[in-house]
Amino acid sequence: MIKEMFIHIPKNLAMEKIIQFVNEASTYESDVIIDMSHFKTNAKSLLSFSLAVIKSKHIRIRADGPDALEAIEHLSSVFKLEEIA
């Protein structure tokens, strides 16, 4: 199962929120991917996630695996999110 969400990155995003997102994404069996127009990277990586939010005001997060729906539903509580698929 594949599930996606769209994240608006606030200007003053605290590092604690980034760490929280990465730590919580890492608890899921599904692959959790940051999908931007010019690259894709692992949302379970603090460095990758940090670079993605620095470079963009909006990112798409995609989960693919047995617990994808649960992962997206839970991760959506970390930021204010708009579901896109």
PDB file of N, CA and C in Angstrom:
ATOM      1  N   MET A   1       0.842  -1.177   0.000  1.00  0.00           N
ATOM      2  CA  MET A   1       0.000   0.000   0.000  1.00  0.00           C
ATOM      3  C   MET A   1       0.887   1.240   0.000  1.00  0.00           C
ATOM      4  N   ILE A   2       0.513   2.216  -0.792  1.00  0.00           N
ATOM      5  CA  ILE A   2       1.221   3.497  -0.837  1.00  0.00           C
ATOM      6  C   ILE A   2       0.273   4.588  -0.355  1.00  0.00           C
ATOM      7  N   LYS A   3       0.769   5.429   0.520  1.00  0.00           N
ATOM      8  CA  LYS A   3      -0.003   6.553   1.040  1.00  0.00           C
ATOM      9  C   LYS A   3       0.905   7.772   1.013  1.00  0.00           C
ATOM     10  N   GLU A   4       0.343   8.940   0.697  1.00  0.00           N
ATOM     11  CA  GLU A   4       1.133  10.164   0.600  1.00  0.00           C
ATOM     12  C   GLU A   4       0.513  11.286   1.407  1.00  0.00           C
ATOM     13  N   MET A   5       1.345  12.266   1.757  1.00  0.00           N
ATOM     14  CA  MET A   5       0.860  13.489   2.368  1.00  0.00           C
ATOM     15  C   MET A   5       1.740  14.635   1.900  1.00  0.00           C
ATOM     16  N   PHE A   6       1.212  15.813   1.958  1.00  0.00           N
ATOM     17  CA  PHE A   6       1.895  17.027   1.543  1.00  0.00           C
ATOM     18  C   PHE A   6       2.138  17.867   2.787  1.00  0.00           C
ATOM     19  N   ILE A   7       3.361  18.314   2.984  1.00  0.00           N
ATOM     20  CA  ILE A   7       3.714  19.084   4.167  1.00  0.00           C
ATOM     21  C   ILE A   7       4.101  20.498   3.770  1.00  0.00           C
ATOM     22  N   HIS A   8       3.506  21.465   4.425  1.00  0.00           N
ATOM     23  CA  HIS A   8       3.948  22.852   4.324  1.00  0.00           C
ATOM     24  C   HIS A   8       4.965  23.049   5.444  1.00  0.00           C
ATOM     25  N   ILE A   9       6.153  23.498   5.085  1.00  0.00           N
ATOM     26  CA  ILE A   9       7.219  23.690   6.062  1.00  0.00           C
ATOM     27  C   ILE A   9       7.158  25.117   6.603  1.00  0.00           C
ATOM     28  N   PRO A  10       6.890  25.288   7.889  1.00  0.00           N
ATOM     29  CA  PRO A  10       6.857  26.643   8.453  1.00  0.00           C
ATOM     30  C   PRO A  10       8.251  27.265   8.464  1.00  0.00           C
ATOM     31  N   LYS A  11       8.309  28.587   8.374  1.00  0.00           N
ATOM     32  CA  LYS A  11       9.591  29.295   8.355  1.00  0.00           C
ATOM     33  C   LYS A  11      10.410  29.039   9.611  1.00  0.00           C
ATOM     34  N   ASN A  12       9.756  28.954  10.734  1.00  0.00           N
ATOM     35  CA  ASN A  12      10.450  28.818  12.016  1.00  0.00           C
ATOM     36  C   ASN A  12      10.400  27.390  12.560  1.00  0.00           C
ATOM     37  N   LEU A  13      10.531  26.414  11.699  1.00  0.00           N
ATOM     38  CA  LEU A  13      10.463  25.017  12.102  1.00  0.00           C
ATOM     39  C   LEU A  13      11.598  24.688  13.075  1.00  0.00           C
ATOM     40  N   ALA A  14      11.243  24.208  14.236  1.00  0.00           N
ATOM     41  CA  ALA A  14      12.234  23.875  15.260  1.00  0.00           C
ATOM     42  C   ALA A  14      12.895  22.537  14.950  1.00  0.00           C
ATOM     43  N   MET A  15      14.172  22.459  15.266  1.00  0.00           N
ATOM     44  CA  MET A  15      14.920  21.222  15.055  1.00  0.00           C
ATOM     45  C   MET A  15      14.289  20.069  15.831  1.00  0.00           C
ATOM     46  N   GLU A  16      13.683  20.369  16.963  1.00  0.00           N
ATOM     47  CA  GLU A  16      13.032  19.328  17.758  1.00  0.00           C
ATOM     48  C   GLU A  16      11.914  18.643  16.980  1.00  0.00           C
ATOM     49  N   LYS A  17      11.177  19.421  16.160  1.00  0.00           N
ATOM     50  CA  LYS A  17      10.102  18.836  15.342  1.00  0.00           C
ATOM     51  C   LYS A  17      10.678  17.930  14.259  1.00  0.00           C
ATOM     52  N   ILE A  18      11.802  18.334  13.675  1.00  0.00           N
ATOM     53  CA  ILE A  18      12.449  17.501  12.661  1.00  0.00           C
ATOM     54  C   ILE A  18      12.906  16.194  13.290  1.00  0.00           C
ATOM     55  N   ILE A  19      13.543  16.284  14.437  1.00  0.00           N
ATOM     56  CA  ILE A  19      14.018  15.083  15.130  1.00  0.00           C
ATOM     57  C   ILE A  19      12.843  14.189  15.513  1.00  0.00           C
ATOM     58  N   GLN A  20      11.768  14.786  16.011  1.00  0.00           N
ATOM     59  CA  GLN A  20      10.579  14.022  16.373  1.00  0.00           C
ATOM     60  C   GLN A  20      10.034  13.278  15.157  1.00  0.00           C
ATOM     61  N   PHE A  21       9.921  13.973  14.019  1.00  0.00           N
ATOM     62  CA  PHE A  21       9.383  13.345  12.811  1.00  0.00           C
ATOM     63  C   PHE A  21      10.253  12.163  12.390  1.00  0.00           C
ATOM     64  N   VAL A  22      11.570  12.372  12.330  1.00  0.00           N
ATOM     65  CA  VAL A  22      12.492  11.312  11.897  1.00  0.00           C
ATOM     66  C   VAL A  22      12.429  10.125  12.857  1.00  0.00           C
ATOM     67  N   ASN A  23      12.434  10.399  14.149  1.00  0.00           N
ATOM     68  CA  ASN A  23      12.367   9.307  15.129  1.00  0.00           C
ATOM     69  C   ASN A  23      11.074   8.523  15.002  1.00  0.00           C
ATOM     70  N   GLU A  24       9.965   9.218  14.818  1.00  0.00           N
ATOM     71  CA  GLU A  24       8.685   8.530  14.703  1.00  0.00           C
ATOM     72  C   GLU A  24       8.557   7.809  13.361  1.00  0.00           C
ATOM     73  N   ALA A  25       9.087   8.376  12.295  1.00  0.00           N
ATOM     74  CA  ALA A  25       9.071   7.701  10.989  1.00  0.00           C
ATOM     75  C   ALA A  25       9.877   6.402  11.052  1.00  0.00           C
ATOM     76  N   SER A  26      10.938   6.419  11.834  1.00  0.00           N
ATOM     77  CA  SER A  26      11.817   5.250  11.939  1.00  0.00           C
ATOM     78  C   SER A  26      11.176   4.066  12.655  1.00  0.00           C
ATOM     79  N   THR A  27      10.062   4.288  13.322  1.00  0.00           N
ATOM     80  CA  THR A  27       9.406   3.198  14.036  1.00  0.00           C
ATOM     81  C   THR A  27       8.541   2.331  13.122  1.00  0.00           C
ATOM     82  N   TYR A  28       8.343   2.753  11.874  1.00  0.00           N
ATOM     83  CA  TYR A  28       7.470   2.016  10.948  1.00  0.00           C
ATOM     84  C   TYR A  28       8.269   1.121  10.021  1.00  0.00           C
ATOM     85  N   GLU A  29       7.676  -0.012   9.700  1.00  0.00           N
ATOM     86  CA  GLU A  29       8.300  -0.949   8.772  1.00  0.00           C
ATOM     87  C   GLU A  29       8.298  -0.395   7.348  1.00  0.00           C
ATOM     88  N   SER A  30       7.282   0.358   6.995  1.00  0.00           N
ATOM     89  CA  SER A  30       7.177   0.922   5.648  1.00  0.00           C
ATOM     90  C   SER A  30       8.349   1.845   5.347  1.00  0.00           C
ATOM     91  N   ASP A  31       8.699   1.924   4.069  1.00  0.00           N
ATOM     92  CA  ASP A  31       9.643   2.943   3.621  1.00  0.00           C
ATOM     93  C   ASP A  31       8.931   4.282   3.707  1.00  0.00           C
ATOM     94  N   VAL A  32       9.588   5.283   4.256  1.00  0.00           N
ATOM     95  CA  VAL A  32       9.030   6.625   4.327  1.00  0.00           C
ATOM     96  C   VAL A  32       9.995   7.517   3.553  1.00  0.00           C
ATOM     97  N   ILE A  33       9.494   8.081   2.458  1.00  0.00           N
ATOM     98  CA  ILE A  33      10.332   8.790   1.495  1.00  0.00           C
ATOM     99  C   ILE A  33       9.896  10.247   1.361  1.00  0.00           C
ATOM    100  N   ILE A  34      10.867  11.149   1.284  1.00  0.00           N
ATOM    101  CA  ILE A  34      10.614  12.541   0.927  1.00  0.00           C
ATOM    102  C   ILE A  34      10.700  12.599  -0.594  1.00  0.00           C
ATOM    103  N   ASP A  35       9.632  13.025  -1.217  1.00  0.00           N
ATOM    104  CA  ASP A  35       9.543  13.063  -2.678  1.00  0.00           C
ATOM    105  C   ASP A  35       9.391  14.513  -3.119  1.00  0.00           C
ATOM    106  N   MET A  36      10.496  15.085  -3.596  1.00  0.00           N
ATOM    107  CA  MET A  36      10.474  16.452  -4.112  1.00  0.00           C
ATOM    108  C   MET A  36      10.596  16.366  -5.629  1.00  0.00           C
ATOM    109  N   SER A  37      10.340  17.441  -6.311  1.00  0.00           N
ATOM    110  CA  SER A  37      10.325  17.404  -7.768  1.00  0.00           C
ATOM    111  C   SER A  37      11.652  16.961  -8.368  1.00  0.00           C
ATOM    112  N   HIS A  38      12.770  17.271  -7.731  1.00  0.00           N
ATOM    113  CA  HIS A  38      14.059  16.953  -8.318  1.00  0.00           C
ATOM    114  C   HIS A  38      14.822  15.831  -7.611  1.00  0.00           C
ATOM    115  N   PHE A  39      14.319  15.309  -6.505  1.00  0.00           N
ATOM    116  CA  PHE A  39      14.962  14.164  -5.867  1.00  0.00           C
ATOM    117  C   PHE A  39      14.047  13.500  -4.844  1.00  0.00           C
ATOM    118  N   LYS A  40      14.437  12.275  -4.492  1.00  0.00           N
ATOM    119  CA  LYS A  40      13.746  11.521  -3.447  1.00  0.00           C
ATOM    120  C   LYS A  40      14.799  11.104  -2.433  1.00  0.00           C
ATOM    121  N   THR A  41      14.410  11.121  -1.154  1.00  0.00           N
ATOM    122  CA  THR A  41      15.351  10.728  -0.119  1.00  0.00           C
ATOM    123  C   THR A  41      14.609  10.102   1.064  1.00  0.00           C
ATOM    124  N   ASN A  42      15.342   9.482   1.940  1.00  0.00           N
ATOM    125  CA  ASN A  42      14.793   8.751   3.070  1.00  0.00           C
ATOM    126  C   ASN A  42      14.351   9.711   4.183  1.00  0.00           C
ATOM    127  N   ALA A  43      13.083   9.674   4.548  1.00  0.00           N
ATOM    128  CA  ALA A  43      12.568  10.533   5.624  1.00  0.00           C
ATOM    129  C   ALA A  43      12.954  10.009   7.001  1.00  0.00           C
ATOM    130  N   LYS A  44      13.547   8.824   7.065  1.00  0.00           N
ATOM    131  CA  LYS A  44      14.007   8.275   8.337  1.00  0.00           C
ATOM    132  C   LYS A  44      15.430   8.730   8.653  1.00  0.00           C
ATOM    133  N   SER A  45      16.014   9.516   7.766  1.00  0.00           N
ATOM    134  CA  SER A  45      17.362  10.035   7.956  1.00  0.00           C
ATOM    135  C   SER A  45      17.289  11.499   8.389  1.00  0.00           C
ATOM    136  N   LEU A  46      17.882  11.802   9.531  1.00  0.00           N
ATOM    137  CA  LEU A  46      17.866  13.172  10.037  1.00  0.00           C
ATOM    138  C   LEU A  46      18.531  14.132   9.059  1.00  0.00           C
ATOM    139  N   LEU A  47      19.666  13.748   8.502  1.00  0.00           N
ATOM    140  CA  LEU A  47      20.367  14.609   7.555  1.00  0.00           C
ATOM    141  C   LEU A  47      19.530  14.845   6.305  1.00  0.00           C
ATOM    142  N   SER A  48      18.964  13.794   5.737  1.00  0.00           N
ATOM    143  CA  SER A  48      18.140  13.918   4.525  1.00  0.00           C
ATOM    144  C   SER A  48      16.918  14.787   4.765  1.00  0.00           C
ATOM    145  N   PHE A  49      16.233  14.537   5.871  1.00  0.00           N
ATOM    146  CA  PHE A  49      15.027  15.311   6.171  1.00  0.00           C
ATOM    147  C   PHE A  49      15.376  16.773   6.398  1.00  0.00           C
ATOM    148  N   SER A  50      16.458  17.026   7.130  1.00  0.00           N
ATOM    149  CA  SER A  50      16.884  18.400   7.405  1.00  0.00           C
ATOM    150  C   SER A  50      17.210  19.145   6.118  1.00  0.00           C
ATOM    151  N   LEU A  51      17.936  18.508   5.219  1.00  0.00           N
ATOM    152  CA  LEU A  51      18.276  19.143   3.945  1.00  0.00           C
ATOM    153  C   LEU A  51      17.029  19.411   3.108  1.00  0.00           C
ATOM    154  N   ALA A  52      16.099  18.501   3.127  1.00  0.00           N
ATOM    155  CA  ALA A  52      14.868  18.681   2.345  1.00  0.00           C
ATOM    156  C   ALA A  52      14.062  19.875   2.843  1.00  0.00           C
ATOM    157  N   VAL A  53      13.941  20.031   4.145  1.00  0.00           N
ATOM    158  CA  VAL A  53      13.134  21.134   4.657  1.00  0.00           C
ATOM    159  C   VAL A  53      13.838  22.472   4.510  1.00  0.00           C
ATOM    160  N   ILE A  54      15.149  22.466   4.444  1.00  0.00           N
ATOM    161  CA  ILE A  54      15.898  23.698   4.199  1.00  0.00           C
ATOM    162  C   ILE A  54      15.692  24.169   2.764  1.00  0.00           C
ATOM    163  N   LYS A  55      15.618  23.226   1.833  1.00  0.00           N
ATOM    164  CA  LYS A  55      15.555  23.546   0.408  1.00  0.00           C
ATOM    165  C   LYS A  55      14.154  23.835  -0.110  1.00  0.00           C
ATOM    166  N   SER A  56      13.133  23.546   0.659  1.00  0.00           N
ATOM    167  CA  SER A  56      11.784  23.658   0.122  1.00  0.00           C
ATOM    168  C   SER A  56      10.800  24.161   1.179  1.00  0.00           C
ATOM    169  N   LYS A  57       9.758  24.832   0.704  1.00  0.00           N
ATOM    170  CA  LYS A  57       8.671  25.254   1.589  1.00  0.00           C
ATOM    171  C   LYS A  57       7.592  24.181   1.677  1.00  0.00           C
ATOM    172  N   HIS A  58       7.580  23.273   0.715  1.00  0.00           N
ATOM    173  CA  HIS A  58       6.599  22.188   0.669  1.00  0.00           C
ATOM    174  C   HIS A  58       7.324  20.908   0.274  1.00  0.00           C
ATOM    175  N   ILE A  59       6.993  19.822   0.940  1.00  0.00           N
ATOM    176  CA  ILE A  59       7.525  18.517   0.547  1.00  0.00           C
ATOM    177  C   ILE A  59       6.404  17.491   0.581  1.00  0.00           C
ATOM    178  N   ARG A  60       6.597  16.434  -0.156  1.00  0.00           N
ATOM    179  CA  ARG A  60       5.651  15.312  -0.165  1.00  0.00           C
ATOM    180  C   ARG A  60       6.311  14.151   0.559  1.00  0.00           C
ATOM    181  N   ILE A  61       5.578  13.549   1.463  1.00  0.00           N
ATOM    182  CA  ILE A  61       6.048  12.362   2.172  1.00  0.00           C
ATOM    183  C   ILE A  61       5.238  11.175   1.667  1.00  0.00           C
ATOM    184  N   ARG A  62       5.937  10.122   1.309  1.00  0.00           N
ATOM    185  CA  ARG A  62       5.284   8.911   0.798  1.00  0.00           C
ATOM    186  C   ARG A  62       5.697   7.722   1.663  1.00  0.00           C
ATOM    187  N   ALA A  63       4.732   6.940   2.069  1.00  0.00           N
ATOM    188  CA  ALA A  63       4.994   5.701   2.803  1.00  0.00           C
ATOM    189  C   ALA A  63       4.550   4.543   1.932  1.00  0.00           C
ATOM    190  N   ASP A  64       5.378   3.521   1.856  1.00  0.00           N
ATOM    191  CA  ASP A  64       5.092   2.352   1.037  1.00  0.00           C
ATOM    192  C   ASP A  64       5.457   1.111   1.846  1.00  0.00           C
ATOM    193  N   GLY A  65       4.455   0.338   2.182  1.00  0.00           N
ATOM    194  CA  GLY A  65       4.698  -0.872   2.949  1.00  0.00           C
ATOM    195  C   GLY A  65       3.458  -1.305   3.709  1.00  0.00           C
ATOM    196  N   PRO A  66       3.615  -2.317   4.541  1.00  0.00           N
ATOM    197  CA  PRO A  66       2.463  -2.905   5.220  1.00  0.00           C
ATOM    198  C   PRO A  66       1.775  -1.983   6.220  1.00  0.00           C
ATOM    199  N   ASP A  67       2.508  -1.025   6.781  1.00  0.00           N
ATOM    200  CA  ASP A  67       1.904  -0.113   7.752  1.00  0.00           C
ATOM    201  C   ASP A  67       1.898   1.334   7.246  1.00  0.00           C
ATOM    202  N   ALA A  68       1.827   1.502   5.923  1.00  0.00           N
ATOM    203  CA  ALA A  68       1.894   2.838   5.314  1.00  0.00           C
ATOM    204  C   ALA A  68       0.759   3.746   5.782  1.00  0.00           C
ATOM    205  N   LEU A  69      -0.451   3.236   5.803  1.00  0.00           N
ATOM    206  CA  LEU A  69      -1.588   4.050   6.229  1.00  0.00           C
ATOM    207  C   LEU A  69      -1.412   4.499   7.672  1.00  0.00           C
ATOM    208  N   GLU A  70      -1.057   3.588   8.538  1.00  0.00           N
ATOM    209  CA  GLU A  70      -0.835   3.928   9.939  1.00  0.00           C
ATOM    210  C   GLU A  70       0.310   4.947  10.077  1.00  0.00           C
ATOM    211  N   ALA A  71       1.382   4.757   9.314  1.00  0.00           N
ATOM    212  CA  ALA A  71       2.525   5.681   9.377  1.00  0.00           C
ATOM    213  C   ALA A  71       2.117   7.090   8.987  1.00  0.00           C
ATOM    214  N   ILE A  72       1.414   7.234   7.870  1.00  0.00           N
ATOM    215  CA  ILE A  72       1.008   8.565   7.406  1.00  0.00           C
ATOM    216  C   ILE A  72       0.024   9.195   8.384  1.00  0.00           C
ATOM    217  N   GLU A  73      -0.916   8.415   8.873  1.00  0.00           N
ATOM    218  CA  GLU A  73      -1.887   8.960   9.828  1.00  0.00           C
ATOM    219  C   GLU A  73      -1.186   9.459  11.087  1.00  0.00           C
ATOM    220  N   HIS A  74      -0.229   8.697  11.582  1.00  0.00           N
ATOM    221  CA  HIS A  74       0.480   9.114  12.795  1.00  0.00           C
ATOM    222  C   HIS A  74       1.416  10.296  12.520  1.00  0.00           C
ATOM    223  N   LEU A  75       2.185  10.225  11.451  1.00  0.00           N
ATOM    224  CA  LEU A  75       3.144  11.291  11.149  1.00  0.00           C
ATOM    225  C   LEU A  75       2.454  12.608  10.840  1.00  0.00           C
ATOM    226  N   SER A  76       1.196  12.538  10.409  1.00  0.00           N
ATOM    227  CA  SER A  76       0.463  13.763  10.114  1.00  0.00           C
ATOM    228  C   SER A  76       0.216  14.591  11.367  1.00  0.00           C
ATOM    229  N   SER A  77       0.363  13.983  12.527  1.00  0.00           N
ATOM    230  CA  SER A  77       0.159  14.734  13.764  1.00  0.00           C
ATOM    231  C   SER A  77       1.384  15.574  14.150  1.00  0.00           C
ATOM    232  N   VAL A  78       2.519  15.330  13.523  1.00  0.00           N
ATOM    233  CA  VAL A  78       3.740  16.061  13.857  1.00  0.00           C
ATOM    234  C   VAL A  78       3.703  17.481  13.304  1.00  0.00           C
ATOM    235  N   PHE A  79       3.224  17.637  12.084  1.00  0.00           N
ATOM    236  CA  PHE A  79       3.096  18.953  11.455  1.00  0.00           C
ATOM    237  C   PHE A  79       1.644  19.137  11.038  1.00  0.00           C
ATOM    238  N   LYS A  80       1.262  20.343  10.685  1.00  0.00           N
ATOM    239  CA  LYS A  80      -0.040  20.553  10.077  1.00  0.00           C
ATOM    240  C   LYS A  80       0.086  20.114   8.630  1.00  0.00           C
ATOM    241  N   LEU A  81      -0.698  19.127   8.242  1.00  0.00           N
ATOM    242  CA  LEU A  81      -0.528  18.491   6.942  1.00  0.00           C
ATOM    243  C   LEU A  81      -1.823  18.491   6.153  1.00  0.00           C
ATOM    244  N   GLU A  82      -1.665  18.412   4.853  1.00  0.00           N
ATOM    245  CA  GLU A  82      -2.806  18.242   3.970  1.00  0.00           C
ATOM    246  C   GLU A  82      -2.603  16.929   3.244  1.00  0.00           C
ATOM    247  N   GLU A  83      -3.560  16.026   3.362  1.00  0.00           N
ATOM    248  CA  GLU A  83      -3.455  14.753   2.686  1.00  0.00           C
ATOM    249  C   GLU A  83      -3.708  14.941   1.203  1.00  0.00           C
ATOM    250  N   ILE A  84      -2.892  14.267   0.361  1.00  0.00           N
ATOM    251  CA  ILE A  84      -3.080  14.406  -1.088  1.00  0.00           C
ATOM    252  C   ILE A  84      -3.433  13.105  -1.770  1.00  0.00           C
ATOM    253  N   ALA A  85      -3.296  11.987  -1.095  1.00  0.00           N
ATOM    254  CA  ALA A  85      -3.666  10.708  -1.739  1.00  0.00           C
ATOM    255  C   ALA A  85      -4.042   9.687  -0.689  1.00  0.00           C
TER     256      ALA A  85
END
